[in-house]
Protein backbone atom coordinates (compact mmCIF):
# COMPACT_ATOMS: atom_id res chain seq x y z
CA MET A 1 13.12 5.51 51.78
CA THR A 2 14.60 3.58 48.91
CA LYS A 3 17.75 3.19 50.79
CA ILE A 4 15.88 1.61 53.69
CA LEU A 5 14.04 -0.67 51.45
CA SER A 6 17.28 -1.73 49.76
CA ILE A 7 18.82 -2.51 53.17
CA GLY A 8 15.76 -4.55 54.10
CA LEU A 9 15.84 -6.48 50.83
CA VAL A 10 19.49 -7.36 51.33
CA GLY A 11 18.96 -8.41 54.89
CA PHE A 12 15.85 -10.54 53.86
CA SER A 13 17.90 -12.25 51.09
CA LEU A 14 20.80 -12.96 53.45
CA PHE A 15 18.47 -14.39 55.89
CA PHE A 16 16.93 -16.87 53.51
CA SER A 17 20.18 -17.75 51.85
CA ALA A 18 21.35 -18.92 55.30
CA CYS A 19 18.29 -21.26 55.39
CA ALA A 20 19.09 -22.88 52.09
CA PRO A 21 19.23 -26.90 52.42
CA LEU A 22 22.48 -28.38 53.59
CA GLU A 23 24.54 -30.13 50.92
CA TYR A 24 26.93 -33.04 51.26
CA LYS A 25 30.31 -31.64 50.69
CA LYS A 26 33.92 -31.43 52.10
CA TYR A 27 34.27 -29.16 55.10
CA GLY A 28 34.83 -25.43 54.22
CA GLU A 29 33.69 -25.46 50.62
CA GLY A 30 31.44 -22.49 49.95
CA MET A 31 28.75 -20.78 52.34
CA ALA A 32 29.57 -18.27 54.94
CA PHE A 33 29.44 -20.95 57.68
CA LYS A 34 31.94 -23.75 57.40
CA VAL A 35 29.94 -27.03 57.02
CA GLY A 36 30.79 -30.44 55.62
CA TYR A 37 32.69 -33.59 56.27
CA SER A 38 36.22 -33.97 57.50
CA GLU A 39 38.37 -37.00 58.51
CA PHE A 40 41.60 -37.68 60.33
CA LYS A 41 43.55 -40.85 59.99
CA ILE A 42 44.52 -42.22 63.49
CA LYS A 43 46.44 -45.24 62.21
CA ASN A 44 46.19 -47.82 59.50
CA ASN A 45 42.44 -48.40 59.18
CA LEU A 46 41.25 -46.32 62.16
CA TRP A 47 39.75 -42.93 61.40
CA LYS A 48 37.89 -40.05 63.02
CA VAL A 49 35.17 -38.84 60.70
CA SER A 50 32.97 -35.62 61.40
CA TYR A 51 30.22 -33.69 59.80
CA THR A 52 29.64 -30.12 60.70
CA GLY A 53 26.00 -29.12 59.93
CA GLU A 54 24.71 -25.71 59.01
CA ALA A 55 23.72 -23.05 61.50
CA ASN A 56 20.60 -24.13 63.49
CA GLY A 57 20.36 -27.02 61.01
CA ASP A 58 18.79 -30.51 61.34
CA PRO A 59 21.16 -32.73 63.54
CA GLN A 60 19.73 -35.85 61.82
CA LEU A 61 21.04 -34.63 58.48
CA ALA A 62 24.42 -33.96 59.79
CA MET A 63 24.41 -37.49 61.17
CA LYS A 64 23.23 -38.93 57.99
CA PHE A 65 26.01 -37.13 55.99
CA MET A 66 28.62 -38.28 58.47
CA TYR A 67 27.61 -42.01 57.88
CA GLN A 68 27.64 -41.32 54.16
CA ARG A 69 31.25 -40.10 54.44
CA ILE A 70 32.09 -43.16 56.50
CA ASN A 71 30.84 -45.46 53.87
CA GLU A 72 32.79 -43.60 51.15
CA LEU A 73 35.96 -43.42 53.07
CA CYS A 74 36.10 -47.11 53.85
CA THR A 75 35.36 -47.98 50.20
CA GLU A 76 38.05 -45.56 48.99
CA GLN A 77 40.52 -47.30 51.42
CA GLY A 78 39.59 -50.70 49.89
CA PHE A 79 37.34 -51.95 52.74
CA ASN A 80 33.84 -53.23 52.45
CA ASP A 81 32.37 -52.43 55.95
CA TYR A 82 33.31 -50.68 59.23
CA ASP A 83 32.95 -50.83 62.98
CA ILE A 84 31.89 -47.79 65.13
CA MET A 85 34.33 -47.39 68.04
CA ASP A 86 32.51 -44.38 69.49
CA THR A 87 30.29 -41.53 68.31
CA SER A 88 29.33 -38.10 69.57
CA ASN A 89 26.88 -35.35 68.62
CA MET A 90 27.21 -31.76 69.85
CA GLN A 91 26.24 -28.29 69.36
CA GLN A 92 28.97 -25.73 68.82
CA GLY A 93 28.66 -21.98 68.62
CA SER A 94 29.47 -20.60 65.24
CA GLY A 95 30.68 -17.32 66.65
CA TYR A 96 27.95 -15.52 64.49
CA SER A 97 25.33 -13.40 66.18
CA GLN A 98 22.89 -10.98 64.59
CA ASN A 99 21.35 -7.79 66.19
CA MET A 100 17.66 -8.07 65.34
CA GLY A 101 16.90 -4.63 66.85
CA TYR A 102 14.90 -3.55 69.87
CA GLY A 103 17.59 -5.15 72.15
CA LEU A 104 17.19 -8.64 70.59
CA THR A 105 20.22 -10.58 69.38
CA THR A 106 20.21 -14.14 67.94
CA THR A 107 23.13 -16.37 67.95
CA THR A 108 23.62 -19.53 65.82
CA SER A 109 25.00 -22.99 66.74
CA GLN A 110 26.04 -25.79 64.45
CA THR A 111 25.71 -29.54 64.93
CA VAL A 112 28.75 -31.68 64.73
CA SER A 113 28.37 -35.46 64.40
CA SER A 114 31.58 -37.41 64.62
CA ALA A 115 32.63 -41.09 65.11
CA THR A 116 35.78 -43.01 65.44
CA ILE A 117 35.62 -45.92 63.09
CA LYS A 118 37.67 -48.91 61.95
CA CYS A 119 37.37 -49.85 58.29
CA VAL A 120 37.20 -53.67 57.92
CA ASN A 121 36.66 -56.37 55.33
CA ARG A 122 33.95 -58.78 56.09
CA VAL A 123 32.99 -61.86 54.10
CA LYS A 124 29.60 -61.54 52.80
CA GLU A 125 27.46 -64.61 53.17
CA ASP A 126 24.82 -65.46 50.58
């Protein structure tokens, strides 16, 4: 009986640890599922920036974090603004599935928000 109870408590804690709120961070740091921002320099001031959200997470939060990284990246590169060339939001399977018993299996998916951006300097008008 205590063995079943222990297994149940471990499963319960794993389930709720997967539901922890998403943090803003670099892709692949911590957590069982790979989440976070990443960027790829295409040329000079042209970048592809993405944010992979948590399993079954809020797509709006992944998009918010993507734009946060865009702002930081352009500032780090010495620019004060950016132009969005294109954006995409998609769901990707995380490859994780869980047998819930009684023939039920759940699978998870992650939201990926990405944009191609051009960092620019704009003269700010007063």
